[in-house]
Amino acid sequence: MPLGIEEITHLDFPDGHLEAYLSELSEALRELLAARMRESDMYTPLWEEFRAEPESNRAEVIGALEAMVEGDAALAERLGLDSARL
């Protein structure tokens, strides 16, 4: 079972390593979600718009990601999310 943020922040990391771990984790998550969005003809333009203007396209990308997770139990599990609670 994947660790949640609560469990991660209570692990014993040497000084500075928690931040590095979280940075690596967030980068891996970004890459996974970006790849999923680029796989779909429906989401590719949205992802490109988000990359160009993240602030103005944030809500649309969040909505798309929520729809992806709700529609893909394997993705929700990989992300450690409960798709039924989204």
PDB file of N, CA and C in Angstrom:
ATOM      1  N   MET A   1       0.848  -1.178   0.000  1.00  0.00           N
ATOM      2  CA  MET A   1       0.000   0.000   0.000  1.00  0.00           C
ATOM      3  C   MET A   1       0.895   1.243   0.000  1.00  0.00           C
ATOM      4  N   PRO A   2       0.624   2.222  -0.866  1.00  0.00           N
ATOM      5  CA  PRO A   2       1.455   3.423  -0.924  1.00  0.00           C
ATOM      6  C   PRO A   2       1.335   4.243   0.356  1.00  0.00           C
ATOM      7  N   LEU A   3       2.405   4.959   0.637  1.00  0.00           N
ATOM      8  CA  LEU A   3       2.393   5.852   1.788  1.00  0.00           C
ATOM      9  C   LEU A   3       1.647   7.130   1.458  1.00  0.00           C
ATOM     10  N   GLY A   4       0.891   7.634   2.413  1.00  0.00           N
ATOM     11  CA  GLY A   4       0.252   8.928   2.268  1.00  0.00           C
ATOM     12  C   GLY A   4       1.177  10.012   2.769  1.00  0.00           C
ATOM     13  N   ILE A   5       0.805  11.264   2.556  1.00  0.00           N
ATOM     14  CA  ILE A   5       1.646  12.378   2.972  1.00  0.00           C
ATOM     15  C   ILE A   5       1.878  12.361   4.477  1.00  0.00           C
ATOM     16  N   GLU A   6       0.877  11.947   5.236  1.00  0.00           N
ATOM     17  CA  GLU A   6       1.023  11.879   6.695  1.00  0.00           C
ATOM     18  C   GLU A   6       2.127  10.890   7.083  1.00  0.00           C
ATOM     19  N   GLU A   7       2.133   9.720   6.458  1.00  0.00           N
ATOM     20  CA  GLU A   7       3.154   8.722   6.759  1.00  0.00           C
ATOM     21  C   GLU A   7       4.534   9.180   6.294  1.00  0.00           C
ATOM     22  N   ILE A   8       4.599   9.791   5.121  1.00  0.00           N
ATOM     23  CA  ILE A   8       5.883  10.242   4.571  1.00  0.00           C
ATOM     24  C   ILE A   8       6.530  11.271   5.483  1.00  0.00           C
ATOM     25  N   THR A   9       5.739  12.221   5.963  1.00  0.00           N
ATOM     26  CA  THR A   9       6.317  13.289   6.775  1.00  0.00           C
ATOM     27  C   THR A   9       6.759  12.808   8.149  1.00  0.00           C
ATOM     28  N   HIS A  10       6.343  11.608   8.543  1.00  0.00           N
ATOM     29  CA  HIS A  10       6.773  11.074   9.830  1.00  0.00           C
ATOM     30  C   HIS A  10       7.908  10.060   9.699  1.00  0.00           C
ATOM     31  N   LEU A  11       8.374   9.794   8.495  1.00  0.00           N
ATOM     32  CA  LEU A  11       9.527   8.920   8.320  1.00  0.00           C
ATOM     33  C   LEU A  11      10.774   9.651   8.805  1.00  0.00           C
ATOM     34  N   ASP A  12      11.773   8.898   9.180  1.00  0.00           N
ATOM     35  CA  ASP A  12      13.005   9.485   9.699  1.00  0.00           C
ATOM     36  C   ASP A  12      13.986   9.699   8.546  1.00  0.00           C
ATOM     37  N   PHE A  13      14.045  10.929   8.025  1.00  0.00           N
ATOM     38  CA  PHE A  13      14.960  11.285   6.956  1.00  0.00           C
ATOM     39  C   PHE A  13      16.114  12.095   7.535  1.00  0.00           C
ATOM     40  N   PRO A  14      17.342  11.882   7.039  1.00  0.00           N
ATOM     41  CA  PRO A  14      18.443  12.759   7.450  1.00  0.00           C
ATOM     42  C   PRO A  14      18.125  14.196   7.028  1.00  0.00           C
ATOM     43  N   ASP A  15      18.765  15.154   7.659  1.00  0.00           N
ATOM     44  CA  ASP A  15      18.509  16.564   7.367  1.00  0.00           C
ATOM     45  C   ASP A  15      18.502  16.848   5.868  1.00  0.00           C
ATOM     46  N   GLY A  16      17.434  17.491   5.426  1.00  0.00           N
ATOM     47  CA  GLY A  16      17.324  17.902   4.034  1.00  0.00           C
ATOM     48  C   GLY A  16      16.841  16.832   3.081  1.00  0.00           C
ATOM     49  N   HIS A  17      16.822  15.582   3.501  1.00  0.00           N
ATOM     50  CA  HIS A  17      16.452  14.511   2.585  1.00  0.00           C
ATOM     51  C   HIS A  17      14.946  14.384   2.373  1.00  0.00           C
ATOM     52  N   LEU A  18      14.144  14.803   3.335  1.00  0.00           N
ATOM     53  CA  LEU A  18      12.697  14.768   3.139  1.00  0.00           C
ATOM     54  C   LEU A  18      12.311  15.677   1.985  1.00  0.00           C
ATOM     55  N   GLU A  19      12.876  16.876   1.957  1.00  0.00           N
ATOM     56  CA  GLU A  19      12.579  17.818   0.880  1.00  0.00           C
ATOM     57  C   GLU A  19      13.003  17.249  -0.465  1.00  0.00           C
ATOM     58  N   ALA A  20      14.160  16.619  -0.515  1.00  0.00           N
ATOM     59  CA  ALA A  20      14.635  16.023  -1.763  1.00  0.00           C
ATOM     60  C   ALA A  20      13.719  14.884  -2.197  1.00  0.00           C
ATOM     61  N   TYR A  21      13.290  14.052  -1.246  1.00  0.00           N
ATOM     62  CA  TYR A  21      12.382  12.954  -1.553  1.00  0.00           C
ATOM     63  C   TYR A  21      11.061  13.483  -2.094  1.00  0.00           C
ATOM     64  N   LEU A  22      10.496  14.488  -1.425  1.00  0.00           N
ATOM     65  CA  LEU A  22       9.225  15.051  -1.878  1.00  0.00           C
ATOM     66  C   LEU A  22       9.355  15.708  -3.238  1.00  0.00           C
ATOM     67  N   SER A  23      10.498  16.338  -3.491  1.00  0.00           N
ATOM     68  CA  SER A  23      10.734  16.945  -4.798  1.00  0.00           C
ATOM     69  C   SER A  23      10.782  15.876  -5.888  1.00  0.00           C
ATOM     70  N   GLU A  24      11.498  14.787  -5.627  1.00  0.00           N
ATOM     71  CA  GLU A  24      11.572  13.690  -6.592  1.00  0.00           C
ATOM     72  C   GLU A  24      10.198  13.053  -6.799  1.00  0.00           C
ATOM     73  N   LEU A  25       9.467  12.892  -5.718  1.00  0.00           N
ATOM     74  CA  LEU A  25       8.134  12.309  -5.790  1.00  0.00           C
ATOM     75  C   LEU A  25       7.201  13.187  -6.613  1.00  0.00           C
ATOM     76  N   SER A  26       7.248  14.485  -6.388  1.00  0.00           N
ATOM     77  CA  SER A  26       6.364  15.377  -7.140  1.00  0.00           C
ATOM     78  C   SER A  26       6.751  15.406  -8.616  1.00  0.00           C
ATOM     79  N   GLU A  27       8.027  15.312  -8.927  1.00  0.00           N
ATOM     80  CA  GLU A  27       8.465  15.272 -10.320  1.00  0.00           C
ATOM     81  C   GLU A  27       7.990  13.982 -11.000  1.00  0.00           C
ATOM     82  N   ALA A  28       8.093  12.860 -10.306  1.00  0.00           N
ATOM     83  CA  ALA A  28       7.627  11.586 -10.861  1.00  0.00           C
ATOM     84  C   ALA A  28       6.120  11.623 -11.084  1.00  0.00           C
ATOM     85  N   LEU A  29       5.398  12.208 -10.148  1.00  0.00           N
ATOM     86  CA  LEU A  29       3.947  12.342 -10.282  1.00  0.00           C
ATOM     87  C   LEU A  29       3.594  13.237 -11.470  1.00  0.00           C
ATOM     88  N   ARG A  30       4.305  14.349 -11.607  1.00  0.00           N
ATOM     89  CA  ARG A  30       4.064  15.252 -12.736  1.00  0.00           C
ATOM     90  C   ARG A  30       4.311  14.536 -14.061  1.00  0.00           C
ATOM     91  N   GLU A  31       5.395  13.774 -14.135  1.00  0.00           N
ATOM     92  CA  GLU A  31       5.709  13.050 -15.365  1.00  0.00           C
ATOM     93  C   GLU A  31       4.643  12.010 -15.686  1.00  0.00           C
ATOM     94  N   LEU A  32       4.178  11.290 -14.671  1.00  0.00           N
ATOM     95  CA  LEU A  32       3.140  10.281 -14.871  1.00  0.00           C
ATOM     96  C   LEU A  32       1.859  10.925 -15.394  1.00  0.00           C
ATOM     97  N   LEU A  33       1.420  11.984 -14.742  1.00  0.00           N
ATOM     98  CA  LEU A  33       0.173  12.628 -15.149  1.00  0.00           C
ATOM     99  C   LEU A  33       0.311  13.310 -16.507  1.00  0.00           C
ATOM    100  N   ALA A  34       1.453  13.907 -16.774  1.00  0.00           N
ATOM    101  CA  ALA A  34       1.677  14.529 -18.078  1.00  0.00           C
ATOM    102  C   ALA A  34       1.624  13.474 -19.181  1.00  0.00           C
ATOM    103  N   ALA A  35       2.234  12.325 -18.936  1.00  0.00           N
ATOM    104  CA  ALA A  35       2.210  11.247 -19.937  1.00  0.00           C
ATOM    105  C   ALA A  35       0.782  10.777 -20.177  1.00  0.00           C
ATOM    106  N   ARG A  36       0.001  10.631 -19.111  1.00  0.00           N
ATOM    107  CA  ARG A  36      -1.396  10.214 -19.261  1.00  0.00           C
ATOM    108  C   ARG A  36      -2.198  11.244 -20.050  1.00  0.00           C
ATOM    109  N   MET A  37      -1.955  12.510 -19.784  1.00  0.00           N
ATOM    110  CA  MET A  37      -2.706  13.554 -20.504  1.00  0.00           C
ATOM    111  C   MET A  37      -2.311  13.592 -21.981  1.00  0.00           C
ATOM    112  N   ARG A  38      -1.017  13.364 -22.269  1.00  0.00           N
ATOM    113  CA  ARG A  38      -0.570  13.376 -23.664  1.00  0.00           C
ATOM    114  C   ARG A  38      -1.052  12.152 -24.430  1.00  0.00           C
ATOM    115  N   GLU A  39      -1.413  11.073 -23.730  1.00  0.00           N
ATOM    116  CA  GLU A  39      -1.907   9.861 -24.380  1.00  0.00           C
ATOM    117  C   GLU A  39      -3.301  10.056 -24.963  1.00  0.00           C
ATOM    118  N   SER A  40      -4.021  11.014 -24.469  1.00  0.00           N
ATOM    119  CA  SER A  40      -5.412  11.215 -24.873  1.00  0.00           C
ATOM    120  C   SER A  40      -5.539  12.417 -25.798  1.00  0.00           C
ATOM    121  N   ASP A  41      -6.155  12.207 -26.949  1.00  0.00           N
ATOM    122  CA  ASP A  41      -6.380  13.323 -27.871  1.00  0.00           C
ATOM    123  C   ASP A  41      -7.217  14.421 -27.218  1.00  0.00           C
ATOM    124  N   MET A  42      -8.073  14.023 -26.296  1.00  0.00           N
ATOM    125  CA  MET A  42      -8.940  14.980 -25.630  1.00  0.00           C
ATOM    126  C   MET A  42      -8.156  15.884 -24.669  1.00  0.00           C
ATOM    127  N   TYR A  43      -7.126  15.337 -24.015  1.00  0.00           N
ATOM    128  CA  TYR A  43      -6.398  16.097 -23.000  1.00  0.00           C
ATOM    129  C   TYR A  43      -5.113  16.745 -23.493  1.00  0.00           C
ATOM    130  N   THR A  44      -4.575  16.311 -24.617  1.00  0.00           N
ATOM    131  CA  THR A  44      -3.305  16.857 -25.104  1.00  0.00           C
ATOM    132  C   THR A  44      -3.340  18.374 -25.271  1.00  0.00           C
ATOM    133  N   PRO A  45      -4.347  18.950 -25.937  1.00  0.00           N
ATOM    134  CA  PRO A  45      -4.362  20.416 -26.062  1.00  0.00           C
ATOM    135  C   PRO A  45      -4.435  21.119 -24.702  1.00  0.00           C
ATOM    136  N   LEU A  46      -5.194  20.553 -23.789  1.00  0.00           N
ATOM    137  CA  LEU A  46      -5.307  21.141 -22.455  1.00  0.00           C
ATOM    138  C   LEU A  46      -3.952  21.134 -21.755  1.00  0.00           C
ATOM    139  N   TRP A  47      -3.214  20.029 -21.877  1.00  0.00           N
ATOM    140  CA  TRP A  47      -1.896  19.942 -21.248  1.00  0.00           C
ATOM    141  C   TRP A  47      -0.950  20.972 -21.846  1.00  0.00           C
ATOM    142  N   GLU A  48      -0.983  21.132 -23.154  1.00  0.00           N
ATOM    143  CA  GLU A  48      -0.108  22.109 -23.804  1.00  0.00           C
ATOM    144  C   GLU A  48      -0.469  23.537 -23.373  1.00  0.00           C
ATOM    145  N   GLU A  49      -1.764  23.820 -23.243  1.00  0.00           N
ATOM    146  CA  GLU A  49      -2.190  25.135 -22.758  1.00  0.00           C
ATOM    147  C   GLU A  49      -1.719  25.352 -21.321  1.00  0.00           C
ATOM    148  N   PHE A  50      -1.797  24.323 -20.517  1.00  0.00           N
ATOM    149  CA  PHE A  50      -1.343  24.420 -19.132  1.00  0.00           C
ATOM    150  C   PHE A  50       0.156  24.697 -19.068  1.00  0.00           C
ATOM    151  N   ARG A  51       0.916  24.021 -19.893  1.00  0.00           N
ATOM    152  CA  ARG A  51       2.365  24.241 -19.910  1.00  0.00           C
ATOM    153  C   ARG A  51       2.695  25.663 -20.314  1.00  0.00           C
ATOM    154  N   ALA A  52       1.923  26.221 -21.234  1.00  0.00           N
ATOM    155  CA  ALA A  52       2.169  27.584 -21.697  1.00  0.00           C
ATOM    156  C   ALA A  52       1.742  28.624 -20.660  1.00  0.00           C
ATOM    157  N   GLU A  53       0.605  28.386 -20.005  1.00  0.00           N
ATOM    158  CA  GLU A  53       0.065  29.333 -19.032  1.00  0.00           C
ATOM    159  C   GLU A  53      -0.521  28.568 -17.833  1.00  0.00           C
ATOM    160  N   PRO A  54       0.339  28.108 -16.929  1.00  0.00           N
ATOM    161  CA  PRO A  54      -0.137  27.269 -15.823  1.00  0.00           C
ATOM    162  C   PRO A  54      -1.206  27.933 -14.949  1.00  0.00           C
ATOM    163  N   GLU A  55      -1.036  29.175 -14.614  1.00  0.00           N
ATOM    164  CA  GLU A  55      -1.981  29.825 -13.705  1.00  0.00           C
ATOM    165  C   GLU A  55      -3.382  29.918 -14.294  1.00  0.00           C
ATOM    166  N   SER A  56      -3.485  30.271 -15.552  1.00  0.00           N
ATOM    167  CA  SER A  56      -4.813  30.463 -16.138  1.00  0.00           C
ATOM    168  C   SER A  56      -5.494  29.160 -16.539  1.00  0.00           C
ATOM    169  N   ASN A  57      -4.742  28.057 -16.560  1.00  0.00           N
ATOM    170  CA  ASN A  57      -5.321  26.768 -16.964  1.00  0.00           C
ATOM    171  C   ASN A  57      -5.329  25.737 -15.842  1.00  0.00           C
ATOM    172  N   ARG A  58      -4.977  26.156 -14.645  1.00  0.00           N
ATOM    173  CA  ARG A  58      -4.867  25.229 -13.515  1.00  0.00           C
ATOM    174  C   ARG A  58      -6.190  24.511 -13.219  1.00  0.00           C
ATOM    175  N   ALA A  59      -7.288  25.243 -13.138  1.00  0.00           N
ATOM    176  CA  ALA A  59      -8.577  24.632 -12.773  1.00  0.00           C
ATOM    177  C   ALA A  59      -9.006  23.588 -13.795  1.00  0.00           C
ATOM    178  N   GLU A  60      -8.790  23.866 -15.078  1.00  0.00           N
ATOM    179  CA  GLU A  60      -9.179  22.908 -16.110  1.00  0.00           C
ATOM    180  C   GLU A  60      -8.355  21.628 -16.020  1.00  0.00           C
ATOM    181  N   VAL A  61      -7.061  21.771 -15.736  1.00  0.00           N
ATOM    182  CA  VAL A  61      -6.198  20.593 -15.620  1.00  0.00           C
ATOM    183  C   VAL A  61      -6.576  19.781 -14.383  1.00  0.00           C
ATOM    184  N   ILE A  62      -6.868  20.459 -13.285  1.00  0.00           N
ATOM    185  CA  ILE A  62      -7.291  19.741 -12.076  1.00  0.00           C
ATOM    186  C   ILE A  62      -8.572  18.955 -12.356  1.00  0.00           C
ATOM    187  N   GLY A  63      -9.518  19.580 -13.038  1.00  0.00           N
ATOM    188  CA  GLY A  63     -10.755  18.879 -13.389  1.00  0.00           C
ATOM    189  C   GLY A  63     -10.496  17.681 -14.278  1.00  0.00           C
ATOM    190  N   ALA A  64      -9.602  17.834 -15.246  1.00  0.00           N
ATOM    191  CA  ALA A  64      -9.269  16.721 -16.135  1.00  0.00           C
ATOM    192  C   ALA A  64      -8.600  15.589 -15.365  1.00  0.00           C
ATOM    193  N   LEU A  65      -7.699  15.935 -14.457  1.00  0.00           N
ATOM    194  CA  LEU A  65      -7.024  14.912 -13.662  1.00  0.00           C
ATOM    195  C   LEU A  65      -8.007  14.184 -12.755  1.00  0.00           C
ATOM    196  N   GLU A  66      -8.936  14.915 -12.175  1.00  0.00           N
ATOM    197  CA  GLU A  66      -9.960  14.272 -11.353  1.00  0.00           C
ATOM    198  C   GLU A  66     -10.783  13.293 -12.187  1.00  0.00           C
ATOM    199  N   ALA A  67     -11.142  13.699 -13.398  1.00  0.00           N
ATOM    200  CA  ALA A  67     -11.910  12.814 -14.278  1.00  0.00           C
ATOM    201  C   ALA A  67     -11.093  11.577 -14.647  1.00  0.00           C
ATOM    202  N   MET A  68      -9.805  11.756 -14.898  1.00  0.00           N
ATOM    203  CA  MET A  68      -8.947  10.628 -15.241  1.00  0.00           C
ATOM    204  C   MET A  68      -8.873   9.630 -14.086  1.00  0.00           C
ATOM    205  N   VAL A  69      -8.694  10.132 -12.875  1.00  0.00           N
ATOM    206  CA  VAL A  69      -8.569   9.264 -11.710  1.00  0.00           C
ATOM    207  C   VAL A  69      -9.897   8.569 -11.421  1.00  0.00           C
ATOM    208  N   GLU A  70     -10.996   9.300 -11.532  1.00  0.00           N
ATOM    209  CA  GLU A  70     -12.311   8.694 -11.294  1.00  0.00           C
ATOM    210  C   GLU A  70     -12.617   7.603 -12.310  1.00  0.00           C
ATOM    211  N   GLY A  71     -12.114   7.753 -13.527  1.00  0.00           N
ATOM    212  CA  GLY A  71     -12.398   6.788 -14.581  1.00  0.00           C
ATOM    213  C   GLY A  71     -11.386   5.673 -14.703  1.00  0.00           C
ATOM    214  N   ASP A  72     -10.322   5.716 -13.913  1.00  0.00           N
ATOM    215  CA  ASP A  72      -9.255   4.722 -14.037  1.00  0.00           C
ATOM    216  C   ASP A  72      -8.816   4.273 -12.642  1.00  0.00           C
ATOM    217  N   ALA A  73      -9.400   3.186 -12.165  1.00  0.00           N
ATOM    218  CA  ALA A  73      -9.096   2.699 -10.820  1.00  0.00           C
ATOM    219  C   ALA A  73      -7.616   2.348 -10.664  1.00  0.00           C
ATOM    220  N   ALA A  74      -6.979   1.855 -11.736  1.00  0.00           N
ATOM    221  CA  ALA A  74      -5.564   1.499 -11.657  1.00  0.00           C
ATOM    222  C   ALA A  74      -4.708   2.750 -11.451  1.00  0.00           C
ATOM    223  N   LEU A  75      -5.069   3.836 -12.119  1.00  0.00           N
ATOM    224  CA  LEU A  75      -4.341   5.092 -11.929  1.00  0.00           C
ATOM    225  C   LEU A  75      -4.540   5.599 -10.510  1.00  0.00           C
ATOM    226  N   ALA A  76      -5.765   5.546 -10.015  1.00  0.00           N
ATOM    227  CA  ALA A  76      -6.045   5.982  -8.647  1.00  0.00           C
ATOM    228  C   ALA A  76      -5.226   5.169  -7.654  1.00  0.00           C
ATOM    229  N   GLU A  77      -5.146   3.868  -7.877  1.00  0.00           N
ATOM    230  CA  GLU A  77      -4.375   3.013  -6.974  1.00  0.00           C
ATOM    231  C   GLU A  77      -2.892   3.348  -7.055  1.00  0.00           C
ATOM    232  N   ARG A  78      -2.396   3.572  -8.262  1.00  0.00           N
ATOM    233  CA  ARG A  78      -0.981   3.902  -8.433  1.00  0.00           C
ATOM    234  C   ARG A  78      -0.622   5.207  -7.731  1.00  0.00           C
ATOM    235  N   LEU A  79      -1.564   6.139  -7.719  1.00  0.00           N
ATOM    236  CA  LEU A  79      -1.349   7.423  -7.061  1.00  0.00           C
ATOM    237  C   LEU A  79      -1.646   7.356  -5.570  1.00  0.00           C
ATOM    238  N   GLY A  80      -2.150   6.219  -5.115  1.00  0.00           N
ATOM    239  CA  GLY A  80      -2.487   6.080  -3.715  1.00  0.00           C
ATOM    240  C   GLY A  80      -3.731   6.829  -3.332  1.00  0.00           C
ATOM    241  N   LEU A  81      -4.658   6.980  -4.278  1.00  0.00           N
ATOM    242  CA  LEU A  81      -5.903   7.711  -4.043  1.00  0.00           C
ATOM    243  C   LEU A  81      -7.083   6.763  -4.016  1.00  0.00           C
ATOM    244  N   ASP A  82      -8.093   7.162  -3.328  1.00  0.00           N
ATOM    245  CA  ASP A  82      -9.352   6.431  -3.320  1.00  0.00           C
ATOM    246  C   ASP A  82     -10.284   7.159  -4.281  1.00  0.00           C
ATOM    247  N   SER A  83     -10.447   6.632  -5.492  1.00  0.00           N
ATOM    248  CA  SER A  83     -11.224   7.329  -6.518  1.00  0.00           C
ATOM    249  C   SER A  83     -12.673   7.524  -6.093  1.00  0.00           C
ATOM    250  N   ALA A  84     -13.179   6.707  -5.197  1.00  0.00           N
ATOM    251  CA  ALA A  84     -14.547   6.853  -4.733  1.00  0.00           C
ATOM    252  C   ALA A  84     -14.718   8.078  -3.842  1.00  0.00           C
ATOM    253  N   ARG A  85     -13.626   8.573  -3.273  1.00  0.00           N
ATOM    254  CA  ARG A  85     -13.713   9.725  -2.370  1.00  0.00           C
ATOM    255  C   ARG A  85     -13.412  11.036  -3.055  1.00  0.00           C
ATOM    256  N   LEU A  86     -13.114  11.032  -4.342  1.00  0.00           N
ATOM    257  CA  LEU A  86     -12.800  12.272  -5.071  1.00  0.00           C
ATOM    258  C   LEU A  86     -14.053  13.004  -5.430  1.00  0.00           C
TER     259      LEU A  86
END
